[in-house]
N, C-alpha and C. Protein backbone atom coordinates (compact mmCIF):
# COMPACT_ATOMS: atom_id res chain seq x y z
N MET A 1 -27.49 -18.57 39.93
CA MET A 1 -27.77 -18.54 38.51
C MET A 1 -27.43 -17.16 37.93
N LYS A 2 -27.80 -16.10 38.66
CA LYS A 2 -27.52 -14.75 38.19
C LYS A 2 -26.00 -14.52 38.11
N LYS A 3 -25.26 -15.05 39.12
CA LYS A 3 -23.81 -14.93 39.11
C LYS A 3 -23.21 -15.64 37.90
N LEU A 4 -23.71 -16.82 37.62
CA LEU A 4 -23.22 -17.60 36.49
C LEU A 4 -23.47 -16.85 35.18
N PHE A 5 -24.64 -16.28 35.05
CA PHE A 5 -24.96 -15.51 33.85
C PHE A 5 -24.01 -14.32 33.70
N LEU A 6 -23.75 -13.60 34.78
CA LEU A 6 -22.84 -12.46 34.74
C LEU A 6 -21.42 -12.88 34.37
N ILE A 7 -20.98 -14.00 34.91
CA ILE A 7 -19.64 -14.49 34.60
C ILE A 7 -19.54 -14.87 33.12
N VAL A 8 -20.53 -15.58 32.60
CA VAL A 8 -20.53 -15.98 31.18
C VAL A 8 -20.60 -14.74 30.30
N PHE A 9 -21.44 -13.78 30.65
CA PHE A 9 -21.56 -12.54 29.87
C PHE A 9 -20.24 -11.79 29.86
N PHE A 10 -19.60 -11.66 31.03
CA PHE A 10 -18.32 -10.96 31.13
C PHE A 10 -17.25 -11.65 30.30
N MET A 11 -17.18 -12.99 30.36
CA MET A 11 -16.18 -13.75 29.59
C MET A 11 -16.41 -13.54 28.09
N ALA A 12 -17.65 -13.55 27.66
CA ALA A 12 -17.96 -13.35 26.24
C ALA A 12 -17.55 -11.95 25.81
N PHE A 13 -17.83 -10.96 26.65
CA PHE A 13 -17.47 -9.57 26.33
C PHE A 13 -15.96 -9.42 26.20
N VAL A 14 -15.20 -10.00 27.12
CA VAL A 14 -13.75 -9.92 27.09
C VAL A 14 -13.21 -10.60 25.83
N SER A 15 -13.76 -11.76 25.47
CA SER A 15 -13.31 -12.48 24.27
C SER A 15 -13.56 -11.66 23.01
N VAL A 16 -14.75 -11.08 22.90
CA VAL A 16 -15.07 -10.28 21.71
C VAL A 16 -14.19 -9.05 21.66
N ASN A 17 -13.95 -8.41 22.80
CA ASN A 17 -13.11 -7.21 22.86
C ASN A 17 -11.67 -7.55 22.46
N ALA A 18 -11.14 -8.67 22.95
CA ALA A 18 -9.77 -9.08 22.61
C ALA A 18 -9.67 -9.37 21.11
N TYR A 19 -10.67 -10.05 20.55
CA TYR A 19 -10.67 -10.34 19.11
C TYR A 19 -10.71 -9.04 18.31
N SER A 20 -11.53 -8.10 18.76
CA SER A 20 -11.66 -6.82 18.07
C SER A 20 -10.33 -6.06 18.07
N GLN A 21 -9.63 -6.06 19.21
CA GLN A 21 -8.35 -5.36 19.28
C GLN A 21 -7.30 -6.02 18.41
N SER A 22 -7.25 -7.37 18.38
CA SER A 22 -6.26 -8.03 17.54
C SER A 22 -6.58 -7.82 16.07
N LYS A 23 -7.86 -7.74 15.72
CA LYS A 23 -8.26 -7.47 14.34
C LYS A 23 -7.82 -6.07 13.93
N GLU A 24 -7.96 -5.09 14.82
CA GLU A 24 -7.52 -3.72 14.53
C GLU A 24 -6.02 -3.68 14.30
N GLN A 25 -5.25 -4.42 15.10
CA GLN A 25 -3.80 -4.45 14.91
C GLN A 25 -3.45 -5.09 13.58
N ASP A 26 -4.17 -6.13 13.17
CA ASP A 26 -3.92 -6.79 11.89
C ASP A 26 -4.18 -5.85 10.73
N ASP A 27 -5.11 -4.93 10.87
CA ASP A 27 -5.47 -4.00 9.80
C ASP A 27 -4.64 -2.72 9.82
N ALA A 28 -3.79 -2.57 10.82
CA ALA A 28 -2.98 -1.34 10.94
C ALA A 28 -2.06 -1.20 9.73
N VAL A 29 -1.89 0.04 9.28
CA VAL A 29 -0.96 0.33 8.18
C VAL A 29 0.23 1.05 8.80
N TYR A 30 1.41 0.46 8.65
CA TYR A 30 2.62 1.00 9.23
C TYR A 30 3.31 1.95 8.25
N SER A 31 4.00 2.93 8.79
CA SER A 31 4.83 3.84 7.98
C SER A 31 6.29 3.43 8.07
N ILE A 32 6.69 3.03 9.27
CA ILE A 32 8.07 2.63 9.52
C ILE A 32 8.04 1.21 10.06
N VAL A 33 8.82 0.33 9.42
CA VAL A 33 8.89 -1.06 9.86
C VAL A 33 10.35 -1.50 9.88
N SER A 34 10.61 -2.61 10.53
CA SER A 34 11.98 -3.09 10.62
C SER A 34 12.50 -3.57 9.26
N GLU A 35 11.63 -4.13 8.42
CA GLU A 35 12.00 -4.54 7.06
C GLU A 35 11.02 -3.89 6.08
N GLN A 36 11.51 -2.97 5.27
CA GLN A 36 10.67 -2.26 4.31
C GLN A 36 10.23 -3.21 3.19
N PRO A 37 9.05 -2.97 2.61
CA PRO A 37 8.63 -3.76 1.46
C PRO A 37 9.55 -3.46 0.27
N SER A 38 9.64 -4.42 -0.65
CA SER A 38 10.51 -4.19 -1.80
C SER A 38 9.93 -4.81 -3.07
N PHE A 39 10.22 -4.15 -4.17
CA PHE A 39 9.83 -4.63 -5.50
C PHE A 39 10.66 -5.88 -5.79
N PRO A 40 10.07 -6.88 -6.46
CA PRO A 40 10.85 -8.09 -6.77
C PRO A 40 12.09 -7.75 -7.61
N GLY A 41 13.24 -8.13 -7.12
CA GLY A 41 14.48 -7.84 -7.83
C GLY A 41 15.15 -6.56 -7.38
N GLY A 42 14.49 -5.78 -6.55
CA GLY A 42 15.08 -4.56 -6.01
C GLY A 42 14.76 -3.31 -6.80
N MET A 43 15.43 -2.24 -6.41
CA MET A 43 15.16 -0.91 -6.95
C MET A 43 15.45 -0.81 -8.45
N GLN A 44 16.54 -1.42 -8.90
CA GLN A 44 16.87 -1.35 -10.33
C GLN A 44 15.81 -2.03 -11.18
N GLU A 45 15.29 -3.15 -10.71
CA GLU A 45 14.23 -3.84 -11.45
C GLU A 45 12.95 -3.01 -11.47
N MET A 46 12.69 -2.28 -10.37
CA MET A 46 11.51 -1.42 -10.34
C MET A 46 11.65 -0.29 -11.35
N MET A 47 12.82 0.32 -11.41
CA MET A 47 13.05 1.40 -12.37
C MET A 47 12.91 0.87 -13.81
N LYS A 48 13.41 -0.33 -14.05
CA LYS A 48 13.28 -0.97 -15.36
C LYS A 48 11.80 -1.21 -15.69
N PHE A 49 11.05 -1.72 -14.71
CA PHE A 49 9.62 -1.96 -14.91
C PHE A 49 8.91 -0.67 -15.27
N ILE A 50 9.20 0.40 -14.53
CA ILE A 50 8.55 1.69 -14.78
C ILE A 50 8.89 2.20 -16.18
N SER A 51 10.16 2.17 -16.54
CA SER A 51 10.55 2.71 -17.86
C SER A 51 9.98 1.88 -19.00
N GLU A 52 9.85 0.57 -18.81
CA GLU A 52 9.31 -0.28 -19.88
C GLU A 52 7.79 -0.25 -19.98
N ASN A 53 7.11 0.11 -18.90
CA ASN A 53 5.65 0.03 -18.87
C ASN A 53 4.93 1.38 -18.82
N ARG A 54 5.66 2.44 -18.56
CA ARG A 54 5.05 3.78 -18.51
C ARG A 54 4.71 4.23 -19.93
N LYS A 55 3.50 4.73 -20.10
CA LYS A 55 3.07 5.27 -21.39
C LYS A 55 2.86 6.77 -21.22
N TYR A 56 3.61 7.53 -21.99
CA TYR A 56 3.49 8.98 -21.88
C TYR A 56 2.14 9.40 -22.47
N PRO A 57 1.26 10.03 -21.70
CA PRO A 57 -0.06 10.43 -22.20
C PRO A 57 0.05 11.40 -23.38
N ALA A 58 -0.80 11.19 -24.38
CA ALA A 58 -0.78 12.03 -25.60
C ALA A 58 -0.98 13.50 -25.26
N GLU A 59 -1.90 13.79 -24.34
CA GLU A 59 -2.18 15.18 -23.98
C GLU A 59 -0.94 15.83 -23.35
N ALA A 60 -0.25 15.11 -22.48
CA ALA A 60 0.96 15.65 -21.84
C ALA A 60 2.06 15.83 -22.88
N LYS A 61 2.15 14.90 -23.81
CA LYS A 61 3.17 15.00 -24.86
C LYS A 61 2.90 16.21 -25.75
N ALA A 62 1.64 16.41 -26.11
CA ALA A 62 1.26 17.53 -26.99
C ALA A 62 1.54 18.88 -26.33
N LYS A 63 1.40 18.95 -25.01
CA LYS A 63 1.60 20.22 -24.29
C LYS A 63 2.97 20.30 -23.64
N ASP A 64 3.85 19.34 -23.96
CA ASP A 64 5.21 19.31 -23.45
C ASP A 64 5.25 19.39 -21.92
N ILE A 65 4.41 18.55 -21.28
CA ILE A 65 4.32 18.51 -19.82
C ILE A 65 5.34 17.52 -19.28
N HIS A 66 6.12 17.97 -18.32
CA HIS A 66 7.12 17.13 -17.65
C HIS A 66 7.00 17.36 -16.15
N GLY A 67 7.34 16.35 -15.38
CA GLY A 67 7.32 16.49 -13.93
C GLY A 67 7.20 15.15 -13.25
N LYS A 68 7.00 15.21 -11.92
CA LYS A 68 6.87 14.00 -11.11
C LYS A 68 5.48 13.92 -10.52
N VAL A 69 4.89 12.74 -10.62
CA VAL A 69 3.63 12.43 -9.97
C VAL A 69 3.99 11.59 -8.75
N ILE A 70 3.55 12.01 -7.58
CA ILE A 70 3.81 11.25 -6.35
C ILE A 70 2.59 10.38 -6.08
N VAL A 71 2.83 9.07 -6.03
CA VAL A 71 1.76 8.10 -5.82
C VAL A 71 1.95 7.43 -4.47
N ALA A 72 0.88 7.36 -3.69
CA ALA A 72 0.90 6.67 -2.40
C ALA A 72 0.08 5.39 -2.54
N PHE A 73 0.53 4.34 -1.86
CA PHE A 73 -0.20 3.08 -1.89
C PHE A 73 0.17 2.27 -0.66
N VAL A 74 -0.53 1.17 -0.47
CA VAL A 74 -0.27 0.27 0.66
C VAL A 74 0.22 -1.06 0.09
N VAL A 75 1.35 -1.54 0.61
CA VAL A 75 1.82 -2.88 0.29
C VAL A 75 1.21 -3.79 1.33
N GLU A 76 0.35 -4.68 0.87
CA GLU A 76 -0.38 -5.58 1.77
C GLU A 76 0.51 -6.71 2.28
N ARG A 77 0.01 -7.47 3.25
CA ARG A 77 0.76 -8.58 3.84
C ARG A 77 1.13 -9.64 2.81
N ASP A 78 0.32 -9.77 1.75
CA ASP A 78 0.63 -10.77 0.71
C ASP A 78 1.46 -10.18 -0.43
N GLY A 79 1.85 -8.90 -0.32
CA GLY A 79 2.66 -8.25 -1.34
C GLY A 79 1.86 -7.53 -2.41
N SER A 80 0.55 -7.69 -2.40
CA SER A 80 -0.28 -6.96 -3.38
C SER A 80 -0.34 -5.48 -2.99
N LEU A 81 -0.70 -4.65 -3.96
CA LEU A 81 -0.77 -3.21 -3.73
C LEU A 81 -2.22 -2.78 -3.69
N SER A 82 -2.56 -1.90 -2.75
CA SER A 82 -3.93 -1.42 -2.62
C SER A 82 -3.93 0.07 -2.29
N ASP A 83 -5.12 0.63 -2.28
CA ASP A 83 -5.34 2.02 -1.87
C ASP A 83 -4.40 2.99 -2.62
N VAL A 84 -4.31 2.82 -3.93
CA VAL A 84 -3.42 3.64 -4.76
C VAL A 84 -4.06 5.01 -4.95
N LYS A 85 -3.31 6.07 -4.56
CA LYS A 85 -3.82 7.44 -4.63
C LYS A 85 -2.72 8.40 -5.07
N ILE A 86 -3.13 9.47 -5.70
CA ILE A 86 -2.19 10.53 -6.08
C ILE A 86 -2.01 11.47 -4.90
N ARG A 87 -0.76 11.70 -4.50
CA ARG A 87 -0.46 12.67 -3.45
C ARG A 87 -0.13 14.02 -4.06
N ARG A 88 0.56 14.00 -5.20
CA ARG A 88 0.84 15.24 -5.92
C ARG A 88 0.85 14.91 -7.40
N GLY A 89 -0.04 15.53 -8.14
CA GLY A 89 -0.15 15.24 -9.55
C GLY A 89 0.27 16.41 -10.42
N ILE A 90 0.34 16.12 -11.73
CA ILE A 90 0.67 17.18 -12.69
C ILE A 90 -0.40 17.28 -13.79
N GLY A 91 -1.38 16.39 -13.75
CA GLY A 91 -2.48 16.46 -14.70
C GLY A 91 -2.13 15.99 -16.10
N TYR A 92 -2.97 16.35 -17.07
CA TYR A 92 -2.79 16.05 -18.49
C TYR A 92 -2.68 14.55 -18.77
N GLY A 93 -3.33 13.74 -17.94
CA GLY A 93 -3.32 12.29 -18.12
C GLY A 93 -2.20 11.58 -17.38
N CYS A 94 -1.24 12.34 -16.86
CA CYS A 94 -0.10 11.73 -16.17
C CYS A 94 -0.51 11.07 -14.85
N ASP A 95 -1.44 11.69 -14.11
CA ASP A 95 -1.88 11.13 -12.83
C ASP A 95 -2.54 9.76 -13.05
N GLU A 96 -3.43 9.69 -14.03
CA GLU A 96 -4.12 8.44 -14.32
C GLU A 96 -3.13 7.37 -14.79
N GLU A 97 -2.15 7.76 -15.57
CA GLU A 97 -1.14 6.82 -16.05
C GLU A 97 -0.28 6.30 -14.89
N ALA A 98 0.04 7.17 -13.96
CA ALA A 98 0.83 6.74 -12.79
C ALA A 98 0.05 5.72 -11.97
N ILE A 99 -1.24 5.95 -11.79
CA ILE A 99 -2.09 5.00 -11.05
C ILE A 99 -2.14 3.66 -11.80
N ARG A 100 -2.34 3.71 -13.12
CA ARG A 100 -2.40 2.49 -13.92
C ARG A 100 -1.09 1.71 -13.79
N LEU A 101 0.02 2.42 -13.86
CA LEU A 101 1.33 1.81 -13.78
C LEU A 101 1.54 1.09 -12.45
N ILE A 102 1.21 1.76 -11.35
CA ILE A 102 1.38 1.16 -10.01
C ILE A 102 0.47 -0.06 -9.87
N LYS A 103 -0.76 0.05 -10.32
CA LYS A 103 -1.69 -1.08 -10.22
C LYS A 103 -1.27 -2.27 -11.07
N SER A 104 -0.44 -2.04 -12.09
CA SER A 104 0.00 -3.14 -12.95
C SER A 104 1.27 -3.83 -12.43
N MET A 105 1.84 -3.32 -11.34
CA MET A 105 3.06 -3.91 -10.80
C MET A 105 2.82 -5.31 -10.27
N PRO A 106 3.84 -6.17 -10.34
CA PRO A 106 3.71 -7.50 -9.73
C PRO A 106 3.71 -7.36 -8.20
N LYS A 107 3.38 -8.44 -7.52
CA LYS A 107 3.39 -8.41 -6.06
C LYS A 107 4.80 -8.11 -5.55
N TRP A 108 4.84 -7.33 -4.49
CA TRP A 108 6.10 -6.97 -3.85
C TRP A 108 6.42 -7.98 -2.74
N THR A 109 7.63 -7.91 -2.22
CA THR A 109 7.96 -8.62 -0.99
C THR A 109 7.42 -7.74 0.13
N PRO A 110 6.53 -8.28 0.97
CA PRO A 110 5.91 -7.42 1.98
C PRO A 110 6.88 -6.93 3.04
N GLY A 111 6.51 -5.84 3.69
CA GLY A 111 7.28 -5.33 4.81
C GLY A 111 7.03 -6.18 6.04
N LYS A 112 7.97 -6.14 6.97
CA LYS A 112 7.84 -6.94 8.18
C LYS A 112 8.12 -6.11 9.42
N GLN A 113 7.40 -6.43 10.46
CA GLN A 113 7.61 -5.84 11.78
C GLN A 113 7.68 -6.98 12.76
N ASN A 114 8.78 -7.08 13.48
CA ASN A 114 9.00 -8.18 14.43
C ASN A 114 8.87 -9.54 13.73
N GLY A 115 9.36 -9.63 12.50
CA GLY A 115 9.35 -10.89 11.76
C GLY A 115 8.01 -11.27 11.14
N LYS A 116 7.01 -10.42 11.31
CA LYS A 116 5.66 -10.72 10.81
C LYS A 116 5.31 -9.76 9.68
N ALA A 117 4.77 -10.30 8.57
CA ALA A 117 4.36 -9.46 7.44
C ALA A 117 3.23 -8.53 7.89
N VAL A 118 3.38 -7.24 7.55
CA VAL A 118 2.38 -6.24 7.93
C VAL A 118 2.08 -5.35 6.73
N ARG A 119 1.01 -4.59 6.84
CA ARG A 119 0.63 -3.61 5.80
C ARG A 119 1.51 -2.37 5.97
N VAL A 120 2.08 -1.89 4.87
CA VAL A 120 3.00 -0.75 4.95
C VAL A 120 2.62 0.28 3.90
N SER A 121 2.55 1.55 4.31
CA SER A 121 2.30 2.63 3.35
C SER A 121 3.60 2.96 2.64
N PHE A 122 3.48 3.33 1.38
CA PHE A 122 4.65 3.58 0.54
C PHE A 122 4.33 4.72 -0.40
N MET A 123 5.32 5.56 -0.70
CA MET A 123 5.15 6.61 -1.70
C MET A 123 6.23 6.45 -2.75
N LEU A 124 5.84 6.70 -4.00
CA LEU A 124 6.76 6.50 -5.11
C LEU A 124 6.58 7.62 -6.14
N PRO A 125 7.66 8.28 -6.55
CA PRO A 125 7.54 9.28 -7.62
C PRO A 125 7.60 8.59 -8.97
N VAL A 126 6.73 9.02 -9.89
CA VAL A 126 6.75 8.55 -11.28
C VAL A 126 7.05 9.77 -12.13
N THR A 127 8.16 9.73 -12.84
CA THR A 127 8.62 10.88 -13.62
C THR A 127 8.12 10.81 -15.04
N PHE A 128 7.63 11.95 -15.52
CA PHE A 128 7.17 12.08 -16.91
C PHE A 128 7.98 13.16 -17.60
C-alpha cells in the first residue's frame, strides 16, 4: 500500500511539473523568431496608420519639441499588443501619445517559431 501511494504521488508530481514547464514555455516572450510579427498590410500600411492617427501633443507643439519616442511592446499569439512601455521618451505629452497610438493599432499577424504562433517582443520608433 505504501509503495502504491509513493508511485501515485510521484506520478502526480511529474504530471504537475511537466504541465508547469509547458505553461512557462507558452508564456515565454521571444526576441528572435523564424517569422517576425507584422502589421496588417506590411510596413507601408503601418507608416500610413501612424501618420493618420498620431496626434501631435499641444504642449510639444507649443515648445517646438521634435524627436523619436521608442516604444516596446509584446505581440501576443493572437496578434493583440500588450505590455506597451516607453523605452526612450521625449516628454511634453509625446510619450503618452505614442502609447495611445500603439494601443490603438489593429491586431498584427503574430510571430512564429517552428510554425507555432508565439509571443514576440517588438520595439518601434514613433517620430514627432
